[in-house]
Every structure is written in C-alpha cells, then in structure tokens.
N, C-alpha and C. Protein backbone atom coordinates (compact mmCIF):
# COMPACT_ATOMS: atom_id res chain seq x y z
N MET A 1 -90.89 -37.50 -67.43
CA MET A 1 -91.43 -38.16 -68.37
C MET A 1 -90.45 -39.41 -68.85
N ASN A 2 -90.82 -40.20 -68.37
CA ASN A 2 -89.94 -41.61 -68.21
C ASN A 2 -91.04 -42.75 -69.83
N THR A 3 -89.54 -42.74 -70.53
CA THR A 3 -89.95 -43.31 -71.92
C THR A 3 -89.26 -44.72 -71.78
N GLY A 4 -88.68 -45.38 -71.22
CA GLY A 4 -88.25 -46.49 -70.44
C GLY A 4 -87.02 -46.80 -70.96
N LYS A 5 -85.75 -46.22 -72.18
CA LYS A 5 -84.83 -46.35 -72.78
C LYS A 5 -83.87 -45.66 -71.50
N LYS A 6 -82.41 -45.95 -72.28
CA LYS A 6 -81.77 -45.52 -71.06
C LYS A 6 -80.65 -44.81 -71.52
N LEU A 7 -80.50 -44.01 -70.66
CA LEU A 7 -79.00 -42.57 -70.82
C LEU A 7 -77.85 -42.91 -71.79
N GLY A 8 -77.25 -42.71 -72.60
CA GLY A 8 -75.90 -43.25 -72.20
C GLY A 8 -75.23 -41.93 -71.68
N THR A 9 -73.61 -42.52 -71.29
CA THR A 9 -72.80 -41.62 -70.68
C THR A 9 -72.80 -40.35 -71.26
N LYS A 10 -72.48 -40.29 -72.47
CA LYS A 10 -72.47 -38.54 -73.19
C LYS A 10 -73.43 -38.12 -73.48
N THR A 11 -74.45 -39.01 -73.40
CA THR A 11 -75.93 -37.64 -73.78
C THR A 11 -76.21 -37.70 -72.42
N ASN A 12 -76.00 -38.26 -70.79
CA ASN A 12 -75.94 -37.64 -69.61
C ASN A 12 -75.27 -36.55 -68.85
N ALA A 13 -74.01 -36.36 -69.83
CA ALA A 13 -73.45 -35.17 -69.73
C ALA A 13 -73.21 -34.00 -70.40
N VAL A 14 -73.44 -34.18 -71.38
CA VAL A 14 -74.30 -33.23 -72.51
C VAL A 14 -75.42 -32.70 -71.51
N ILE A 15 -76.67 -33.17 -70.83
CA ILE A 15 -77.68 -32.85 -70.29
C ILE A 15 -77.08 -31.96 -69.07
N ALA A 16 -75.87 -32.39 -68.53
CA ALA A 16 -75.74 -31.84 -67.11
C ALA A 16 -74.96 -31.01 -67.24
N ILE A 17 -74.14 -30.75 -68.82
CA ILE A 17 -73.41 -29.35 -69.01
C ILE A 17 -74.70 -28.34 -69.53
N ALA A 18 -75.60 -29.17 -69.79
CA ALA A 18 -76.64 -28.40 -70.50
C ALA A 18 -77.70 -27.58 -69.15
N GLY A 19 -78.13 -28.03 -68.52
CA GLY A 19 -78.63 -28.03 -66.91
C GLY A 19 -77.72 -26.97 -66.18
N LEU A 20 -76.34 -27.42 -66.11
CA LEU A 20 -75.27 -25.60 -65.61
C LEU A 20 -75.23 -24.74 -66.06
N TRP A 21 -75.01 -24.59 -67.43
CA TRP A 21 -75.84 -23.22 -68.68
C TRP A 21 -76.52 -23.02 -68.11
N PHE A 22 -77.84 -23.64 -67.98
CA PHE A 22 -78.95 -22.93 -67.87
C PHE A 22 -79.14 -22.09 -67.10
N LEU A 23 -79.18 -23.18 -65.53
CA LEU A 23 -78.39 -22.20 -64.04
C LEU A 23 -77.62 -21.54 -63.59
N GLY A 24 -77.15 -20.85 -65.17
CA GLY A 24 -76.01 -20.16 -64.90
C GLY A 24 -75.01 -20.01 -64.54
N LEU A 25 -73.83 -21.44 -64.28
CA LEU A 25 -73.38 -22.38 -63.23
C LEU A 25 -72.14 -22.41 -64.38
N GLY A 26 -72.51 -22.41 -66.21
CA GLY A 26 -71.79 -22.62 -66.84
C GLY A 26 -70.94 -21.16 -67.46
N GLY A 27 -70.65 -21.22 -68.86
CA GLY A 27 -69.71 -20.62 -70.04
C GLY A 27 -68.81 -20.40 -69.46
N GLU A 28 -67.69 -18.96 -69.49
CA GLU A 28 -65.89 -19.22 -69.68
C GLU A 28 -65.78 -19.09 -68.82
N LYS A 29 -66.85 -19.11 -67.05
CA LYS A 29 -65.81 -18.45 -66.00
C LYS A 29 -66.50 -20.08 -64.71
N ALA A 30 -66.56 -20.96 -65.69
CA ALA A 30 -67.39 -22.48 -64.72
C ALA A 30 -66.32 -22.87 -64.35
N SER A 31 -66.33 -23.26 -63.03
CA SER A 31 -65.46 -23.38 -62.05
C SER A 31 -66.10 -24.19 -61.00
N ALA A 32 -65.86 -24.71 -60.08
CA ALA A 32 -66.04 -24.89 -58.17
C ALA A 32 -66.69 -24.19 -57.89
N LYS A 33 -65.97 -22.71 -58.25
CA LYS A 33 -67.34 -20.83 -57.50
C LYS A 33 -68.21 -21.09 -58.62
N ALA A 34 -69.20 -21.20 -58.45
CA ALA A 34 -70.53 -21.32 -59.13
C ALA A 34 -70.75 -19.56 -59.22
N ILE A 35 -70.93 -19.01 -58.22
CA ILE A 35 -71.20 -17.76 -58.79
C ILE A 35 -69.60 -16.62 -58.14
N GLU A 36 -70.03 -16.17 -59.42
CA GLU A 36 -69.07 -14.58 -59.32
C GLU A 36 -68.88 -13.59 -58.28
N PRO A 37 -68.33 -13.64 -57.50
CA PRO A 37 -69.10 -11.85 -56.47
C PRO A 37 -69.36 -11.09 -57.01
N ALA A 38 -69.80 -10.41 -56.70
CA ALA A 38 -70.83 -8.74 -56.41
C ALA A 38 -70.48 -8.64 -55.37
N PRO A 39 -70.28 -6.76 -55.70
CA PRO A 39 -70.56 -5.80 -54.32
C PRO A 39 -71.61 -6.06 -53.67
N SER A 40 -72.03 -6.14 -52.63
CA SER A 40 -73.48 -5.94 -51.63
C SER A 40 -72.85 -4.50 -50.77
N PHE A 41 -74.64 -4.41 -50.50
CA PHE A 41 -74.34 -3.46 -49.97
C PHE A 41 -73.49 -2.91 -48.28
N GLY A 42 -72.94 -4.32 -47.67
CA GLY A 42 -72.33 -3.61 -46.55
C GLY A 42 -70.34 -3.87 -47.44
N GLY A 43 -70.18 -4.29 -48.01
CA GLY A 43 -68.68 -3.42 -48.65
C GLY A 43 -68.43 -5.18 -49.52
N ARG A 44 -68.94 -6.71 -48.46
CA ARG A 44 -68.47 -7.94 -48.66
C ARG A 44 -68.69 -7.88 -50.12
N GLN A 45 -68.90 -8.92 -50.48
CA GLN A 45 -68.53 -9.79 -52.23
C GLN A 45 -70.08 -10.63 -52.15
N GLY A 46 -70.63 -11.11 -52.75
CA GLY A 46 -72.22 -11.43 -52.45
C GLY A 46 -71.93 -13.02 -52.72
N THR A 47 -72.01 -13.95 -51.19
CA THR A 47 -71.96 -15.03 -51.40
C THR A 47 -73.23 -15.87 -52.10
N VAL A 48 -72.85 -17.25 -51.39
CA VAL A 48 -74.19 -18.05 -51.25
C VAL A 48 -74.59 -18.31 -49.82
N GLN A 49 -75.80 -18.33 -49.25
CA GLN A 49 -76.30 -17.92 -48.21
C GLN A 49 -77.57 -18.98 -47.96
N GLY A 50 -77.47 -20.82 -47.88
CA GLY A 50 -78.67 -20.52 -48.33
C GLY A 50 -78.96 -20.44 -49.19
N LYS A 51 -80.51 -20.47 -49.47
CA LYS A 51 -81.06 -19.91 -50.62
C LYS A 51 -80.88 -18.33 -51.52
N PHE A 52 -80.39 -18.13 -50.47
CA PHE A 52 -79.80 -16.08 -51.02
C PHE A 52 -78.49 -16.05 -51.35
N TYR A 53 -78.57 -15.57 -52.59
CA TYR A 53 -77.49 -15.64 -53.30
C TYR A 53 -77.52 -14.21 -54.29
N CYS A 54 -76.55 -13.82 -54.46
CA CYS A 54 -75.84 -12.61 -54.77
C CYS A 54 -75.96 -12.71 -56.63
N ASN A 55 -76.34 -12.74 -57.97
CA ASN A 55 -76.00 -13.10 -58.97
C ASN A 55 -75.98 -11.74 -59.70
N SER A 56 -74.32 -11.85 -60.04
CA SER A 56 -73.53 -10.61 -60.16
C SER A 56 -73.60 -10.98 -61.55
N LYS A 57 -74.08 -11.72 -62.43
CA LYS A 57 -74.30 -11.54 -63.99
C LYS A 57 -75.48 -10.73 -63.85
N ALA A 58 -76.18 -9.87 -63.25
CA ALA A 58 -77.54 -9.78 -63.40
C ALA A 58 -76.97 -8.37 -63.85
N LEU A 59 -76.03 -7.65 -63.99
CA LEU A 59 -75.38 -6.51 -63.77
C LEU A 59 -74.37 -6.19 -64.77
N SER A 60 -74.46 -5.29 -65.99
CA SER A 60 -73.23 -5.02 -67.07
C SER A 60 -71.89 -4.40 -66.27
N PRO A 61 -71.05 -4.78 -66.27
CA PRO A 61 -69.88 -4.24 -65.81
C PRO A 61 -69.88 -2.25 -65.56
N ALA A 62 -70.34 -1.80 -66.50
CA ALA A 62 -71.19 -0.82 -66.12
C ALA A 62 -71.91 0.03 -65.00
N GLU A 63 -72.92 -1.12 -65.54
CA GLU A 63 -73.72 -0.78 -63.99
C GLU A 63 -72.94 -1.70 -62.28
N ARG A 64 -72.19 -2.30 -62.84
CA ARG A 64 -71.43 -2.83 -61.34
C ARG A 64 -70.80 -1.57 -61.13
N ALA A 65 -70.60 -1.14 -61.58
CA ALA A 65 -69.76 -0.26 -61.15
C ALA A 65 -70.39 1.25 -60.30
N HIS A 66 -71.24 1.46 -61.09
CA HIS A 66 -72.26 2.64 -61.13
C HIS A 66 -72.96 2.17 -59.41
N HIS A 67 -73.15 0.82 -59.68
CA HIS A 67 -73.65 -0.04 -58.37
C HIS A 67 -72.72 0.22 -57.03
N LYS A 68 -71.45 -0.27 -56.94
CA LYS A 68 -70.75 -0.11 -56.20
C LYS A 68 -70.70 1.34 -55.28
N GLN A 69 -70.48 2.61 -56.74
CA GLN A 69 -70.24 3.96 -56.17
C GLN A 69 -71.49 4.33 -55.20
N LEU A 70 -72.60 3.89 -55.45
CA LEU A 70 -73.79 3.92 -54.55
C LEU A 70 -74.07 3.47 -53.72
N THR A 71 -72.84 2.18 -53.76
CA THR A 71 -73.49 1.48 -52.20
C THR A 71 -72.15 1.98 -51.42
N ALA A 72 -71.30 2.63 -51.61
CA ALA A 72 -70.00 3.38 -50.56
C ALA A 72 -71.21 4.58 -50.39
N LYS A 73 -71.21 5.06 -51.26
CA LYS A 73 -72.35 6.43 -50.33
C LYS A 73 -73.07 5.73 -49.45
N LEU A 74 -74.03 5.20 -49.95
CA LEU A 74 -75.21 4.21 -48.90
C LEU A 74 -74.34 3.98 -47.82
N MET A 75 -73.42 3.23 -48.26
CA MET A 75 -72.91 3.37 -46.08
C MET A 75 -72.48 4.32 -45.27
N SER A 76 -71.47 5.23 -46.07
CA SER A 76 -71.31 6.67 -45.63
C SER A 76 -71.80 6.83 -45.16
N VAL A 77 -73.08 7.33 -45.27
CA VAL A 77 -73.60 8.60 -44.93
C VAL A 77 -75.36 7.90 -44.44
N GLN A 78 -75.39 6.26 -44.12
CA GLN A 78 -76.10 6.18 -43.03
C GLN A 78 -76.30 6.35 -42.01
N LYS A 79 -77.97 6.91 -41.35
CA LYS A 79 -77.73 7.56 -39.73
C LYS A 79 -78.01 6.15 -38.76
N GLU A 80 -78.83 5.11 -39.61
CA GLU A 80 -79.19 4.55 -38.89
C GLU A 80 -79.74 2.93 -38.91
N VAL A 81 -79.79 1.97 -37.96
CA VAL A 81 -80.32 0.78 -38.80
C VAL A 81 -81.20 0.62 -37.63
N VAL A 82 -82.79 0.03 -38.37
CA VAL A 82 -83.94 -0.24 -37.23
C VAL A 82 -84.28 -1.46 -37.60
N GLU A 83 -84.34 -3.19 -36.68
CA GLU A 83 -84.02 -3.76 -37.24
C GLU A 83 -86.13 -3.64 -37.34
N THR A 84 -86.99 -4.73 -37.85
CA THR A 84 -88.47 -4.70 -38.08
C THR A 84 -88.95 -5.84 -37.76
N GLU A 85 -89.85 -6.32 -37.47
CA GLU A 85 -90.33 -7.59 -37.53
C GLU A 85 -89.77 -8.99 -39.76
N LYS A 86 -89.68 -8.30 -40.02
CA LYS A 86 -89.30 -8.69 -40.80
C LYS A 86 -88.02 -8.58 -41.50
N GLY A 87 -87.58 -7.77 -41.35
CA GLY A 87 -85.88 -7.50 -42.25
C GLY A 87 -84.98 -6.32 -41.45
N TYR A 88 -85.08 -5.44 -41.85
CA TYR A 88 -83.99 -3.91 -41.14
C TYR A 88 -83.94 -2.82 -42.29
N GLU A 89 -84.57 -1.68 -41.11
CA GLU A 89 -85.07 -0.65 -41.77
C GLU A 89 -83.46 0.52 -42.42
N PHE A 90 -83.25 0.78 -43.15
CA PHE A 90 -81.63 1.48 -43.34
C PHE A 90 -82.54 3.26 -43.42
N GLN A 91 -81.80 4.22 -42.43
CA GLN A 91 -81.94 5.42 -41.59
C GLN A 91 -81.28 6.81 -43.22
N TYR A 92 -81.33 7.16 -43.54
CA TYR A 92 -80.64 8.48 -44.65
C TYR A 92 -81.45 10.02 -44.16
N SER A 93 -80.17 10.99 -44.47
CA SER A 93 -81.16 12.20 -44.16
C SER A 93 -80.79 12.47 -46.09
N PRO A 94 -81.99 12.56 -46.43
CA PRO A 94 -82.38 13.40 -47.36
C PRO A 94 -81.16 14.46 -48.21
N ALA A 95 -80.32 15.69 -47.15
CA ALA A 95 -79.35 16.25 -48.16
C ALA A 95 -78.55 15.52 -48.29
N GLU A 96 -77.92 13.96 -47.91
CA GLU A 96 -76.49 13.34 -47.97
C GLU A 96 -76.79 12.22 -49.00
N ILE A 97 -77.91 11.89 -49.61
CA ILE A 97 -78.24 10.93 -50.05
C ILE A 97 -79.61 11.14 -50.93
N SER A 98 -80.25 11.54 -51.86
CA SER A 98 -80.93 11.35 -52.75
C SER A 98 -82.06 10.87 -52.63
N LEU A 99 -83.47 10.88 -53.44
CA LEU A 99 -84.43 10.05 -52.88
C LEU A 99 -84.41 9.22 -54.30
N SER A 100 -83.63 9.75 -54.98
CA SER A 100 -83.32 9.12 -56.90
C SER A 100 -82.32 8.69 -57.00
N GLU A 101 -81.55 8.67 -56.30
CA GLU A 101 -80.46 7.71 -55.96
C GLU A 101 -80.24 6.67 -55.03
N LEU A 102 -80.94 6.56 -54.16
CA LEU A 102 -81.50 5.39 -53.08
C LEU A 102 -82.50 4.46 -54.01
N ALA A 103 -83.91 5.00 -55.33
CA ALA A 103 -84.04 4.43 -55.94
C ALA A 103 -83.11 3.55 -57.24
N ASP A 104 -82.29 4.46 -57.04
CA ASP A 104 -81.31 3.83 -58.81
C ASP A 104 -80.79 2.89 -57.91
N TRP A 105 -80.55 2.40 -56.63
CA TRP A 105 -79.66 1.40 -55.66
C TRP A 105 -80.25 0.39 -55.68
N VAL A 106 -81.31 1.04 -55.92
CA VAL A 106 -82.68 -0.60 -54.71
C VAL A 106 -82.85 -0.69 -56.73
N ALA A 107 -83.29 -0.37 -57.90
CA ALA A 107 -83.09 -0.76 -58.86
C ALA A 107 -82.13 -1.82 -59.83
N ALA A 108 -81.36 -1.25 -59.40
CA ALA A 108 -80.00 -2.37 -59.60
C ALA A 108 -79.65 -3.63 -58.91
N GLU A 109 -80.36 -3.39 -57.21
CA GLU A 109 -79.45 -3.93 -56.37
C GLU A 109 -80.94 -5.57 -56.76
N GLY A 110 -82.09 -4.80 -56.87
CA GLY A 110 -83.70 -6.16 -57.61
C GLY A 110 -83.20 -6.58 -58.47
N LYS A 111 -82.23 -6.83 -59.19
CA LYS A 111 -81.77 -7.31 -60.13
C LYS A 111 -80.71 -8.41 -60.18
N CYS A 112 -79.91 -7.79 -59.07
CA CYS A 112 -78.59 -9.39 -58.82
C CYS A 112 -79.56 -9.54 -57.86
N CYS A 113 -80.69 -9.01 -56.84
CA CYS A 113 -80.83 -10.05 -55.19
C CYS A 113 -82.58 -10.23 -55.63
N PRO A 114 -83.58 -10.73 -56.60
CA PRO A 114 -84.83 -10.57 -56.81
C PRO A 114 -84.97 -11.27 -55.57
N PHE A 115 -84.50 -11.92 -54.74
CA PHE A 115 -85.65 -12.34 -53.37
C PHE A 115 -85.84 -10.62 -52.17
N PHE A 116 -84.81 -9.83 -52.68
CA PHE A 116 -85.53 -8.43 -51.43
C PHE A 116 -86.71 -7.88 -52.46
N ASP A 117 -87.49 -7.65 -50.47
CA ASP A 117 -88.77 -6.95 -50.85
C ASP A 117 -88.05 -5.48 -50.37
N PHE A 118 -88.11 -4.26 -51.53
CA PHE A 118 -87.71 -3.04 -50.94
C PHE A 118 -88.42 -2.31 -50.84
N HIS A 119 -88.68 -1.11 -49.89
CA HIS A 119 -89.59 -0.08 -49.61
C HIS A 119 -89.40 0.71 -49.37
N ILE A 120 -89.13 2.28 -49.18
CA ILE A 120 -88.77 3.50 -49.93
C ILE A 120 -89.53 3.75 -48.96
N ASP A 121 -89.20 4.72 -48.05
CA ASP A 121 -90.26 5.73 -47.32
C ASP A 121 -89.91 7.50 -47.37
N LEU A 122 -90.12 8.64 -47.47
CA LEU A 122 -89.51 9.77 -46.91
C LEU A 122 -90.52 10.43 -45.81
N GLU A 123 -90.48 10.58 -44.98
CA GLU A 123 -90.77 10.84 -43.50
C GLU A 123 -89.95 11.77 -43.08
N ARG A 124 -91.14 12.07 -41.81
CA ARG A 124 -90.58 13.34 -40.94
C ARG A 124 -90.75 14.98 -41.81
N GLU A 125 -91.75 14.96 -42.96
CA GLU A 125 -91.70 16.09 -43.28
C GLU A 125 -90.87 16.33 -44.17
N GLY A 126 -90.32 15.43 -45.21
CA GLY A 126 -89.45 15.19 -46.17
C GLY A 126 -87.71 15.33 -45.23
N LYS A 127 -87.32 15.20 -44.26
CA LYS A 127 -86.33 14.90 -43.94
C LYS A 127 -85.92 14.17 -43.65
N LEU A 128 -86.41 12.97 -43.04
CA LEU A 128 -85.90 11.05 -43.16
C LEU A 128 -86.20 10.41 -44.45
N LEU A 129 -85.34 9.99 -44.83
CA LEU A 129 -85.26 9.11 -45.92
C LEU A 129 -84.90 7.50 -45.41
N CYS A 130 -86.15 6.60 -45.73
CA CYS A 130 -86.12 4.93 -44.72
C CYS A 130 -85.73 4.60 -46.12
N LEU A 131 -84.83 3.14 -46.13
CA LEU A 131 -84.95 2.48 -47.67
C LEU A 131 -85.45 1.01 -46.09
N ARG A 132 -86.53 0.25 -46.67
CA ARG A 132 -86.49 -1.03 -45.97
C ARG A 132 -86.40 -2.57 -46.45
N LEU A 133 -85.50 -3.17 -46.06
CA LEU A 133 -85.40 -4.48 -46.71
C LEU A 133 -86.22 -5.76 -46.22
N THR A 134 -87.10 -6.29 -46.95
CA THR A 134 -87.39 -7.38 -46.01
C THR A 134 -87.53 -8.47 -47.72
N GLY A 135 -88.22 -9.84 -47.26
CA GLY A 135 -88.26 -10.89 -47.95
C GLY A 135 -89.05 -12.29 -47.68
N PRO A 136 -88.43 -13.32 -48.01
CA PRO A 136 -88.85 -14.63 -47.94
C PRO A 136 -88.13 -15.05 -46.14
N GLU A 137 -88.31 -16.06 -45.05
CA GLU A 137 -88.03 -16.46 -44.72
C GLU A 137 -86.63 -16.87 -44.50
N GLY A 138 -85.98 -16.25 -43.87
CA GLY A 138 -84.47 -16.54 -43.32
C GLY A 138 -83.70 -15.19 -44.05
N VAL A 139 -84.69 -14.00 -45.01
CA VAL A 139 -83.12 -13.06 -45.30
C VAL A 139 -83.27 -12.56 -44.01
N LYS A 140 -83.17 -12.70 -42.63
CA LYS A 140 -82.76 -11.24 -42.01
C LYS A 140 -81.39 -11.30 -41.43
N ALA A 141 -81.11 -13.21 -41.64
CA ALA A 141 -79.44 -13.95 -41.24
C ALA A 141 -78.82 -12.99 -42.44
N PHE A 142 -79.52 -13.11 -43.49
CA PHE A 142 -78.71 -12.64 -44.68
C PHE A 142 -78.44 -11.22 -44.78
N ILE A 143 -79.21 -10.66 -44.54
CA ILE A 143 -79.29 -9.13 -44.40
C ILE A 143 -78.13 -8.38 -43.02
N ARG A 144 -78.62 -9.90 -41.96
CA ARG A 144 -77.28 -9.48 -40.59
C ARG A 144 -76.24 -9.38 -41.23
N SER A 145 -75.22 -10.69 -42.27
CA SER A 145 -74.19 -11.00 -43.19
C SER A 145 -73.96 -9.91 -44.13
N GLU A 146 -74.15 -10.03 -44.89
CA GLU A 146 -74.25 -9.41 -46.05
C GLU A 146 -74.32 -7.56 -45.84
N PHE A 147 -74.92 -7.27 -45.16
CA PHE A 147 -75.00 -6.21 -44.91
C PHE A 147 -74.37 -5.00 -43.88
N GLN A 148 -73.64 -5.89 -43.14
CA GLN A 148 -72.77 -5.15 -41.99
C GLN A 148 -73.51 -5.24 -40.88
N VAL A 149 -74.63 -6.32 -40.14
CA VAL A 149 -75.98 -4.90 -39.35
C VAL A 149 -75.61 -5.87 -37.84
N ALA A 150 -75.19 -5.19 -37.22
CA ALA A 150 -75.03 -5.62 -35.73
C ALA A 150 -75.87 -6.16 -34.98
N GLY A 151 -76.08 -7.52 -34.68
CA GLY A 151 -76.82 -7.85 -34.17
C GLY A 151 -77.07 -7.75 -32.26
N LYS A 152 -78.38 -8.45 -32.19
CA LYS A 152 -78.72 -7.66 -30.78
C LYS A 152 -77.86 -8.58 -29.89
C-alpha cells in the first residue's frame, strides 16, 4: 500500500530489522551467517543451497542432540541408497533400526527441513524398512549434497 509519504532513514532501519527478525535472521546471534548450522542426515552441517536450507532453530538443544544421535545411527546401519524419479530411498534392516526410531527421526527432520516429503515403507514381509525423501523441483541435488549420496 502506497500512502504517498516518504519514510525516514530511522523508520526504514526499524522496518529492515523487524523484517530480519520476522524471517528468523535477527536476535542475539545475528551476523553475516543467517542460519546456524544444524546436523543433517549425512553428518554435514545444514547449509543454504538455493531455496532449501535447514532451520536449526526449529529444534531445542535436547531435540537436536537426540536427532544427531538418530542421524548417526541411521548413517551407520544404512544398507542401500536407491535413486528414484523424485528423490532417494534409504534402505534399512528393521533388526538394526526400528520403525519408531525412523519415525522419530522424520518428525524432527520435518521440523528443520519442512520442504521434504517423507515416505516410510515396511516391505518384504517386514524385512526391509525404507525411507524415501522427495520434495519440490531441485530437492534431489540438495539430498545428494546434504546426505552424501554418490552421483551416477
């Protein structure tokens, strides 16, 4: 809405600061690095990559610590990674990772990376647990980078 009034420099500065705070970029630790690193599936710290980024402020310190533990476990027991049309499928043995642990990881990851679509499947008469990650166009490159998936 244009009222025809020009805003002063002080007013513009207040609006800019309020905008940064609203976007989650302000606060005590505001700096050139707008997003504090967050643990991701592949062990790398969350980063900005195009329109995809991990919001580390979405999890409390206790939730982050628990999520980091689950992430390490998921990485250590992963059986196979399969590229799909819209993303990747990570395969596990239910003897090594439980369905509830995987669901717990998805719930936390969904808070910090809401652009992901998560699909959990229990297949082969309960002998294969699969986590499929998909999302909007471009998410496959983000998954490859953040989840350390080898390219073809």
